C-alpha atoms as a PDB file:
ATOM      1  CA  MET A   1     -17.151  61.701 -16.642  1.00  0.00           C
ATOM      2  CA  THR A   2     -17.317  58.045 -17.737  1.00  0.00           C
ATOM      3  CA  GLU A   3     -14.534  58.539 -20.298  1.00  0.00           C
ATOM      4  CA  LYS A   4     -12.351  60.241 -17.705  1.00  0.00           C
ATOM      5  CA  LEU A   5     -12.938  57.454 -15.202  1.00  0.00           C
ATOM      6  CA  SER A   6     -12.136  54.829 -17.830  1.00  0.00           C
ATOM      7  CA  ALA A   7      -8.887  56.603 -18.652  1.00  0.00           C
ATOM      8  CA  GLU A   8      -7.959  56.733 -14.977  1.00  0.00           C
ATOM      9  CA  ILE A   9      -8.658  53.037 -14.591  1.00  0.00           C
ATOM     10  CA  LEU A  10      -6.578  52.200 -17.658  1.00  0.00           C
ATOM     11  CA  ASP A  11      -3.703  54.221 -16.226  1.00  0.00           C
ATOM     12  CA  ARG A  12      -4.006  52.337 -12.939  1.00  0.00           C
ATOM     13  CA  PHE A  13      -4.068  49.046 -14.824  1.00  0.00           C
ATOM     14  CA  GLN A  14      -0.716  49.943 -16.373  1.00  0.00           C
ATOM     15  CA  ASP A  15       0.700  50.936 -12.997  1.00  0.00           C
ATOM     16  CA  VAL A  16      -0.427  47.651 -11.468  1.00  0.00           C
ATOM     17  CA  GLU A  17       1.090  45.709 -14.358  1.00  0.00           C
ATOM     18  CA  ARG A  18       4.474  47.393 -13.884  1.00  0.00           C
ATOM     19  CA  ASN A  19       4.339  47.005 -10.116  1.00  0.00           C
ATOM     20  CA  TYR A  20       3.300  43.367 -10.278  1.00  0.00           C
ATOM     21  CA  GLU A  21       6.185  42.532 -12.589  1.00  0.00           C
ATOM     22  CA  GLU A  22       8.650  44.325 -10.310  1.00  0.00           C
ATOM     23  CA  ILE A  23       7.322  42.699  -7.116  1.00  0.00           C
ATOM     24  CA  THR A  24       7.234  39.167  -8.508  1.00  0.00           C
ATOM     25  CA  GLY A  25      10.752  39.672  -9.842  1.00  0.00           C
ATOM     26  CA  ASN A  26      11.980  40.830  -6.440  1.00  0.00           C
ATOM     27  CA  ILE A  27      10.248  37.910  -4.738  1.00  0.00           C
ATOM     28  CA  ALA A  28      11.936  35.479  -7.119  1.00  0.00           C
ATOM     29  CA  LYS A  29      15.374  36.965  -6.435  1.00  0.00           C
ATOM     30  CA  ALA A  30      14.844  36.956  -2.665  1.00  0.00           C
ATOM     31  CA  ALA A  31      13.565  33.381  -2.757  1.00  0.00           C
ATOM     32  CA  LEU A  32      16.646  32.196  -4.624  1.00  0.00           C
ATOM     33  CA  ARG A  33      18.912  34.083  -2.229  1.00  0.00           C
ATOM     34  CA  SER A  34      17.190  32.352   0.683  1.00  0.00           C
ATOM     35  CA  GLY A  35      17.781  28.929  -0.881  1.00  0.00           C
ATOM     36  CA  ARG A  36      14.222  28.397  -2.060  1.00  0.00           C
ATOM     37  CA  LYS A  37      12.293  28.521  -5.319  1.00  0.00           C
ATOM     38  CA  PRO A  38      10.172  31.535  -6.369  1.00  0.00           C
ATOM     39  CA  GLU A  39       7.065  29.351  -6.270  1.00  0.00           C
ATOM     40  CA  ASP A  40       7.733  28.619  -2.586  1.00  0.00           C
ATOM     41  CA  ILE A  41       6.723  32.198  -1.724  1.00  0.00           C
ATOM     42  CA  ILE A  42       3.082  33.330  -1.735  1.00  0.00           C
ATOM     43  CA  LEU A  43       2.320  36.900  -2.718  1.00  0.00           C
ATOM     44  CA  LEU A  44      -0.875  38.039  -1.026  1.00  0.00           C
ATOM     45  CA  ALA A  45      -2.180  41.433  -2.144  1.00  0.00           C
ATOM     46  CA  ALA A  46      -3.495  43.604   0.684  1.00  0.00           C
ATOM     47  CA  THR A  47      -6.533  45.156  -0.967  1.00  0.00           C
ATOM     48  CA  LYS A  48      -7.734  47.690   1.593  1.00  0.00           C
ATOM     49  CA  THR A  49      -9.393  50.672  -0.199  1.00  0.00           C
ATOM     50  CA  VAL A  50      -8.730  49.123  -3.628  1.00  0.00           C
ATOM     51  CA  GLU A  51     -11.684  48.840  -5.995  1.00  0.00           C
ATOM     52  CA  PRO A  52     -12.632  45.337  -7.219  1.00  0.00           C
ATOM     53  CA  VAL A  53     -12.013  46.292 -10.862  1.00  0.00           C
ATOM     54  CA  ILE A  54      -8.374  47.020  -9.988  1.00  0.00           C
ATOM     55  CA  ILE A  55      -8.057  43.928  -7.800  1.00  0.00           C
ATOM     56  CA  ASN A  56      -9.462  41.722 -10.534  1.00  0.00           C
ATOM     57  CA  HIS A  57      -7.028  43.143 -13.057  1.00  0.00           C
ATOM     58  CA  ALA A  58      -4.175  42.108 -10.776  1.00  0.00           C
ATOM     59  CA  VAL A  59      -5.753  38.658 -10.537  1.00  0.00           C
ATOM     60  CA  SER A  60      -5.798  38.479 -14.343  1.00  0.00           C
ATOM     61  CA  LEU A  61      -2.023  38.996 -14.273  1.00  0.00           C
ATOM     62  CA  GLY A  62      -1.539  35.910 -12.121  1.00  0.00           C
ATOM     63  CA  LEU A  63      -2.170  37.128  -8.579  1.00  0.00           C
ATOM     64  CA  SER A  64      -3.693  34.222  -6.658  1.00  0.00           C
ATOM     65  CA  TYR A  65      -4.203  35.547  -3.109  1.00  0.00           C
ATOM     66  CA  ILE A  66      -5.919  38.675  -1.811  1.00  0.00           C
ATOM     67  CA  GLY A  67      -6.568  39.851   1.740  1.00  0.00           C
ATOM     68  CA  GLU A  68      -8.889  42.397   3.311  1.00  0.00           C
ATOM     69  CA  ASN A  69      -8.375  44.225   6.610  1.00  0.00           C
ATOM     70  CA  LYS A  70     -11.935  45.248   7.465  1.00  0.00           C
ATOM     71  CA  VAL A  71     -15.055  43.115   7.624  1.00  0.00           C
ATOM     72  CA  GLN A  72     -17.393  45.794   6.282  1.00  0.00           C
ATOM     73  CA  GLU A  73     -15.198  46.472   3.279  1.00  0.00           C
ATOM     74  CA  LEU A  74     -14.841  42.777   2.538  1.00  0.00           C
ATOM     75  CA  LEU A  75     -18.605  42.321   2.587  1.00  0.00           C
ATOM     76  CA  SER A  76     -19.213  45.367   0.384  1.00  0.00           C
ATOM     77  CA  LYS A  77     -16.807  44.059  -2.275  1.00  0.00           C
ATOM     78  CA  TYR A  78     -17.457  40.338  -1.885  1.00  0.00           C
ATOM     79  CA  GLU A  79     -19.766  39.856  -4.880  1.00  0.00           C
ATOM     80  CA  ASP A  80     -17.340  41.675  -7.169  1.00  0.00           C
ATOM     81  CA  TYR A  81     -14.140  39.742  -6.442  1.00  0.00           C
ATOM     82  CA  ASP A  82     -13.027  37.251  -9.095  1.00  0.00           C
ATOM     83  CA  LEU A  83     -13.049  34.402  -6.598  1.00  0.00           C
ATOM     84  CA  GLN A  84     -12.908  31.781  -9.332  1.00  0.00           C
ATOM     85  CA  HIS A  85      -9.295  32.752  -9.874  1.00  0.00           C
ATOM     86  CA  CYS A  86      -8.080  33.930  -6.457  1.00  0.00           C
ATOM     87  CA  ASP A  87      -8.145  33.006  -2.806  1.00  0.00           C
ATOM     88  CA  LEU A  88      -9.675  35.494  -0.333  1.00  0.00           C
ATOM     89  CA  GLN A  89      -8.281  35.799   3.204  1.00  0.00           C
ATOM     90  CA  PHE A  90      -8.856  38.110   6.164  1.00  0.00           C
ATOM     91  CA  ILE A  91      -5.697  39.810   7.437  1.00  0.00           C
ATOM     92  CA  GLY A  92      -6.887  42.583   9.762  1.00  0.00           C
ATOM     93  CA  HIS A  93      -7.890  42.850  13.401  1.00  0.00           C
ATOM     94  CA  LEU A  94     -11.106  40.882  13.879  1.00  0.00           C
ATOM     95  CA  GLN A  95     -13.728  41.572  16.521  1.00  0.00           C
ATOM     96  CA  THR A  96     -15.434  38.511  17.957  1.00  0.00           C
ATOM     97  CA  ASN A  97     -18.925  39.818  17.148  1.00  0.00           C
ATOM     98  CA  LYS A  98     -18.057  40.018  13.440  1.00  0.00           C
ATOM     99  CA  VAL A  99     -16.679  36.516  13.052  1.00  0.00           C
ATOM    100  CA  ARG A 100     -19.968  35.057  11.822  1.00  0.00           C
ATOM    101  CA  GLN A 101     -20.007  37.557   8.944  1.00  0.00           C
ATOM    102  CA  ILE A 102     -16.853  36.207   7.323  1.00  0.00           C
ATOM    103  CA  VAL A 103     -16.608  32.536   8.298  1.00  0.00           C
ATOM    104  CA  GLY A 104     -17.332  30.584   5.138  1.00  0.00           C
ATOM    105  CA  LYS A 105     -16.412  33.537   2.933  1.00  0.00           C
ATOM    106  CA  VAL A 106     -12.649  33.507   3.512  1.00  0.00           C
ATOM    107  CA  SER A 107     -10.224  30.599   3.225  1.00  0.00           C
ATOM    108  CA  MET A 108      -8.042  31.809   6.085  1.00  0.00           C
ATOM    109  CA  ILE A 109      -8.129  34.256   8.996  1.00  0.00           C
ATOM    110  CA  GLN A 110      -4.596  35.484   9.700  1.00  0.00           C
ATOM    111  CA  SER A 111      -5.164  37.510  12.849  1.00  0.00           C
ATOM    112  CA  VAL A 112      -6.146  35.151  15.670  1.00  0.00           C
ATOM    113  CA  ASP A 113      -4.634  36.375  18.941  1.00  0.00           C
ATOM    114  CA  SER A 114      -6.868  35.089  21.744  1.00  0.00           C
ATOM    115  CA  VAL A 115      -8.703  32.009  22.953  1.00  0.00           C
ATOM    116  CA  LYS A 116     -11.973  33.951  22.780  1.00  0.00           C
ATOM    117  CA  LEU A 117     -11.539  34.832  19.108  1.00  0.00           C
ATOM    118  CA  ALA A 118     -10.334  31.344  18.198  1.00  0.00           C
ATOM    119  CA  GLY A 119     -13.306  29.826  20.030  1.00  0.00           C
ATOM    120  CA  GLU A 120     -15.812  31.963  18.156  1.00  0.00           C
ATOM    121  CA  ILE A 121     -14.245  31.118  14.790  1.00  0.00           C
ATOM    122  CA  ALA A 122     -14.405  27.454  15.760  1.00  0.00           C
ATOM    123  CA  ARG A 123     -18.035  27.743  16.887  1.00  0.00           C
ATOM    124  CA  GLN A 124     -19.188  29.496  13.729  1.00  0.00           C
ATOM    125  CA  SER A 125     -17.248  27.029  11.568  1.00  0.00           C
ATOM    126  CA  VAL A 126     -18.817  24.019  13.265  1.00  0.00           C
ATOM    127  CA  ARG A 127     -22.251  25.566  12.703  1.00  0.00           C
ATOM    128  CA  GLN A 128     -21.487  25.644   8.981  1.00  0.00           C
ATOM    129  CA  ASN A 129     -19.889  22.175   9.029  1.00  0.00           C
ATOM    130  CA  ILE A 130     -16.576  23.548   7.772  1.00  0.00           C
ATOM    131  CA  VAL A 131     -13.017  23.870   9.049  1.00  0.00           C
ATOM    132  CA  THR A 132     -11.461  27.349   8.893  1.00  0.00           C
ATOM    133  CA  ASP A 133      -7.728  27.719   8.482  1.00  0.00           C
ATOM    134  CA  VAL A 134      -6.168  30.318  10.770  1.00  0.00           C
ATOM    135  CA  LEU A 135      -2.821  31.898  11.569  1.00  0.00           C
ATOM    136  CA  VAL A 136      -1.886  33.054  15.041  1.00  0.00           C
ATOM    137  CA  GLU A 137      -0.810  36.692  15.097  1.00  0.00           C
ATOM    138  CA  VAL A 138       2.234  37.365  17.261  1.00  0.00           C
ATOM    139  CA  ASN A 139       3.039  40.819  18.623  1.00  0.00           C
ATOM    140  CA  ILE A 140       6.743  40.287  18.111  1.00  0.00           C
ATOM    141  CA  GLY A 141       7.631  43.910  18.881  1.00  0.00           C
ATOM    142  CA  ARG A 142       5.580  43.956  22.100  1.00  0.00           C
ATOM    143  CA  GLU A 143       3.847  47.153  20.978  1.00  0.00           C
ATOM    144  CA  GLU A 144       0.965  48.251  23.189  1.00  0.00           C
ATOM    145  CA  ASN A 145      -1.033  49.681  20.279  1.00  0.00           C
ATOM    146  CA  LYS A 146      -0.912  46.485  18.229  1.00  0.00           C
ATOM    147  CA  SER A 147      -2.884  43.288  18.455  1.00  0.00           C
ATOM    148  CA  GLY A 148      -1.245  39.885  18.608  1.00  0.00           C
ATOM    149  CA  VAL A 149      -0.317  37.404  21.312  1.00  0.00           C
ATOM    150  CA  LEU A 150       2.949  37.960  23.155  1.00  0.00           C
ATOM    151  CA  GLU A 151       5.735  35.456  22.555  1.00  0.00           C
ATOM    152  CA  GLU A 152       5.584  33.990  26.067  1.00  0.00           C
ATOM    153  CA  SER A 153       1.836  33.312  25.753  1.00  0.00           C
ATOM    154  CA  LEU A 154       2.010  31.652  22.335  1.00  0.00           C
ATOM    155  CA  ASP A 155       2.448  28.055  23.498  1.00  0.00           C
ATOM    156  CA  GLU A 156      -0.550  28.230  25.843  1.00  0.00           C
ATOM    157  CA  LEU A 157      -2.756  29.729  23.134  1.00  0.00           C
ATOM    158  CA  LEU A 158      -1.724  27.054  20.654  1.00  0.00           C
ATOM    159  CA  ALA A 159      -2.354  24.321  23.226  1.00  0.00           C
ATOM    160  CA  GLN A 160      -5.919  25.523  23.725  1.00  0.00           C
ATOM    161  CA  MET A 161      -6.546  26.000  20.009  1.00  0.00           C
ATOM    162  CA  ALA A 162      -5.326  22.452  19.356  1.00  0.00           C
ATOM    163  CA  LEU A 163      -8.395  21.175  21.221  1.00  0.00           C
ATOM    164  CA  MET A 164     -10.930  23.158  19.160  1.00  0.00           C
ATOM    165  CA  GLU A 165     -13.043  21.640  16.416  1.00  0.00           C
ATOM    166  CA  GLY A 166     -13.776  23.783  13.378  1.00  0.00           C
ATOM    167  CA  ILE A 167     -10.382  25.465  13.079  1.00  0.00           C
ATOM    168  CA  ARG A 168      -6.976  24.382  11.859  1.00  0.00           C
ATOM    169  CA  VAL A 169      -3.845  26.333  12.776  1.00  0.00           C
ATOM    170  CA  ARG A 170      -1.662  26.678   9.683  1.00  0.00           C
ATOM    171  CA  GLY A 171       1.089  28.960  10.957  1.00  0.00           C
ATOM    172  CA  LEU A 172       2.021  32.386  12.267  1.00  0.00           C
ATOM    173  CA  MET A 173       1.626  36.012  11.204  1.00  0.00           C
ATOM    174  CA  THR A 174       3.211  39.224  12.440  1.00  0.00           C
ATOM    175  CA  ILE A 175       3.454  42.954  11.809  1.00  0.00           C
ATOM    176  CA  PRO A 176       6.803  44.114  13.229  1.00  0.00           C
ATOM    177  CA  PRO A 177       7.496  47.635  14.460  1.00  0.00           C
ATOM    178  CA  ILE A 178       8.296  50.237  11.822  1.00  0.00           C
ATOM    179  CA  CYS A 179      12.075  50.287  11.499  1.00  0.00           C
ATOM    180  CA  GLU A 180      14.105  52.707   9.426  1.00  0.00           C
ATOM    181  CA  GLU A 181      17.073  50.345   9.484  1.00  0.00           C
ATOM    182  CA  LYS A 182      16.632  47.060   7.606  1.00  0.00           C
ATOM    183  CA  ALA A 183      18.927  45.275  10.039  1.00  0.00           C
ATOM    184  CA  ARG A 184      16.581  46.090  12.912  1.00  0.00           C
ATOM    185  CA  VAL A 185      13.449  44.798  11.221  1.00  0.00           C
ATOM    186  CA  CYS A 186      15.344  41.653  10.292  1.00  0.00           C
ATOM    187  CA  LYS A 187      15.905  40.955  13.990  1.00  0.00           C
ATOM    188  CA  PHE A 188      12.123  40.785  14.472  1.00  0.00           C
ATOM    189  CA  PHE A 189      11.734  38.613  11.368  1.00  0.00           C
ATOM    190  CA  ASP A 190      14.494  36.293  12.564  1.00  0.00           C
ATOM    191  CA  LYS A 191      12.813  35.959  15.959  1.00  0.00           C
ATOM    192  CA  MET A 192       9.510  35.058  14.274  1.00  0.00           C
ATOM    193  CA  HIS A 193      11.207  32.496  12.078  1.00  0.00           C
ATOM    194  CA  GLN A 194      12.776  30.871  15.127  1.00  0.00           C
ATOM    195  CA  LEU A 195       9.361  30.657  16.814  1.00  0.00           C
ATOM    196  CA  PHE A 196       8.012  29.112  13.615  1.00  0.00           C
ATOM    197  CA  ILE A 197      10.816  26.513  13.568  1.00  0.00           C
ATOM    198  CA  ASP A 198      10.471  25.744  17.277  1.00  0.00           C
ATOM    199  CA  ILE A 199       6.731  25.106  17.005  1.00  0.00           C
ATOM    200  CA  SER A 200       7.256  23.043  13.843  1.00  0.00           C
ATOM    201  CA  SER A 201       9.465  20.671  15.830  1.00  0.00           C
ATOM    202  CA  LYS A 202       6.648  19.884  18.265  1.00  0.00           C
ATOM    203  CA  THR A 203       3.865  17.368  17.736  1.00  0.00           C
ATOM    204  CA  LEU A 204       0.585  19.189  18.309  1.00  0.00           C
ATOM    205  CA  ASP A 205      -2.810  17.948  17.159  1.00  0.00           C
ATOM    206  CA  ASN A 206      -4.619  20.247  14.733  1.00  0.00           C
ATOM    207  CA  ILE A 207      -1.548  22.471  14.339  1.00  0.00           C
ATOM    208  CA  SER A 208       0.889  22.646  11.451  1.00  0.00           C
ATOM    209  CA  MET A 209       3.440  25.297  10.588  1.00  0.00           C
ATOM    210  CA  ASP A 210       2.895  25.656   6.832  1.00  0.00           C
ATOM    211  CA  VAL A 211       2.672  29.444   6.617  1.00  0.00           C
ATOM    212  CA  LEU A 212       4.883  32.189   8.013  1.00  0.00           C
ATOM    213  CA  SER A 213       3.160  35.406   6.945  1.00  0.00           C
ATOM    214  CA  MET A 214       5.355  38.447   7.452  1.00  0.00           C
ATOM    215  CA  GLY A 215       6.691  41.321   5.387  1.00  0.00           C
ATOM    216  CA  MET A 216       4.762  44.097   3.675  1.00  0.00           C
ATOM    217  CA  SER A 217       5.395  46.701   0.996  1.00  0.00           C
ATOM    218  CA  ASP A 218       8.530  48.207   2.534  1.00  0.00           C
ATOM    219  CA  ASP A 219      10.201  45.056   3.809  1.00  0.00           C
ATOM    220  CA  TYR A 220       8.876  42.021   1.940  1.00  0.00           C
ATOM    221  CA  GLN A 221      12.272  41.148   0.478  1.00  0.00           C
ATOM    222  CA  GLU A 222      13.921  41.193   3.906  1.00  0.00           C
ATOM    223  CA  ALA A 223      11.100  39.035   5.274  1.00  0.00           C
ATOM    224  CA  ILE A 224      11.686  36.405   2.592  1.00  0.00           C
ATOM    225  CA  LEU A 225      15.409  36.373   3.307  1.00  0.00           C
ATOM    226  CA  CYS A 226      14.525  35.762   6.978  1.00  0.00           C
ATOM    227  CA  GLY A 227      12.229  32.818   6.218  1.00  0.00           C
ATOM    228  CA  ALA A 228       8.766  34.165   5.313  1.00  0.00           C
ATOM    229  CA  ASN A 229       6.834  32.108   2.789  1.00  0.00           C
ATOM    230  CA  MET A 230       3.946  34.580   2.509  1.00  0.00           C
ATOM    231  CA  VAL A 231       4.251  38.344   2.100  1.00  0.00           C
ATOM    232  CA  ARG A 232       1.386  40.844   2.216  1.00  0.00           C
ATOM    233  CA  VAL A 233       1.908  43.676  -0.257  1.00  0.00           C
ATOM    234  CA  GLY A 234      -0.553  46.536  -0.752  1.00  0.00           C
ATOM    235  CA  SER A 235       0.638  50.034  -1.625  1.00  0.00           C
ATOM    236  CA  ARG A 236       3.694  48.768  -3.509  1.00  0.00           C
ATOM    237  CA  LEU A 237       1.318  46.957  -5.865  1.00  0.00           C
ATOM    238  CA  PHE A 238      -1.706  49.236  -6.051  1.00  0.00           C
ATOM    239  CA  GLY A 239      -0.168  52.614  -5.279  1.00  0.00           C
ATOM    240  CA  LYS A 240      -0.730  54.937  -2.359  1.00  0.00           C
ATOM    241  CA  ARG A 241      -4.011  54.214  -0.616  1.00  0.00           C
ATOM    242  CA  ILE A 242      -6.905  56.531  -1.388  1.00  0.00           C
ATOM    243  CA  TYR A 243      -9.137  57.028   1.664  1.00  0.00           C
ATOM    244  CA  ARG A 244     -12.619  58.364   1.020  1.00  0.00           C
END
């Protein structure tokens, strides 16, 4: 059983190596096409359901950022991540009552979409005498089944977050609607980029627009062409998710 498992892991290592090379190559090409350098784009690996041994192998290849979607999974894998060589972020929907479990363990929370959630992150951060970087998640497709602040409520949320100690707004994040046509998804990406630029032009305490996190396995190249400087890639890197 152990030999079989080892063989399976070695096979997955090879798959990850091939995928990582392909993804980083595509990111470099898209960056150059968008008028930027490859190093201007951050590849964050979405590691939901992926075992730490596989994650750490990707880190050994040069991957510097990983992100988890669920608090419980993050906690169960936390001791096994190679955090000396990668940066751990939280990228999924976060319930207010679970904030205290991850503040201090992650460098950034990408899914802030309410004053209540932002306030709890700030409160828990102040308790630990730290400042937590956050992104504001925008529901750019106005989908009822998705989290994220609506575009027209973004300025008010940012204004209130600007007054909070313990957090620092670093940018925006979005998950656009699933679109079969690339041109359609690009419209959502373009709208997000314009929001990003508009906010960047304003002077707001405690708020900077350093990170525009958008684009996943099926559309990360389009996202870069539309202005993203962070893409979140999971299945394209690690293979189809295995749910147990």
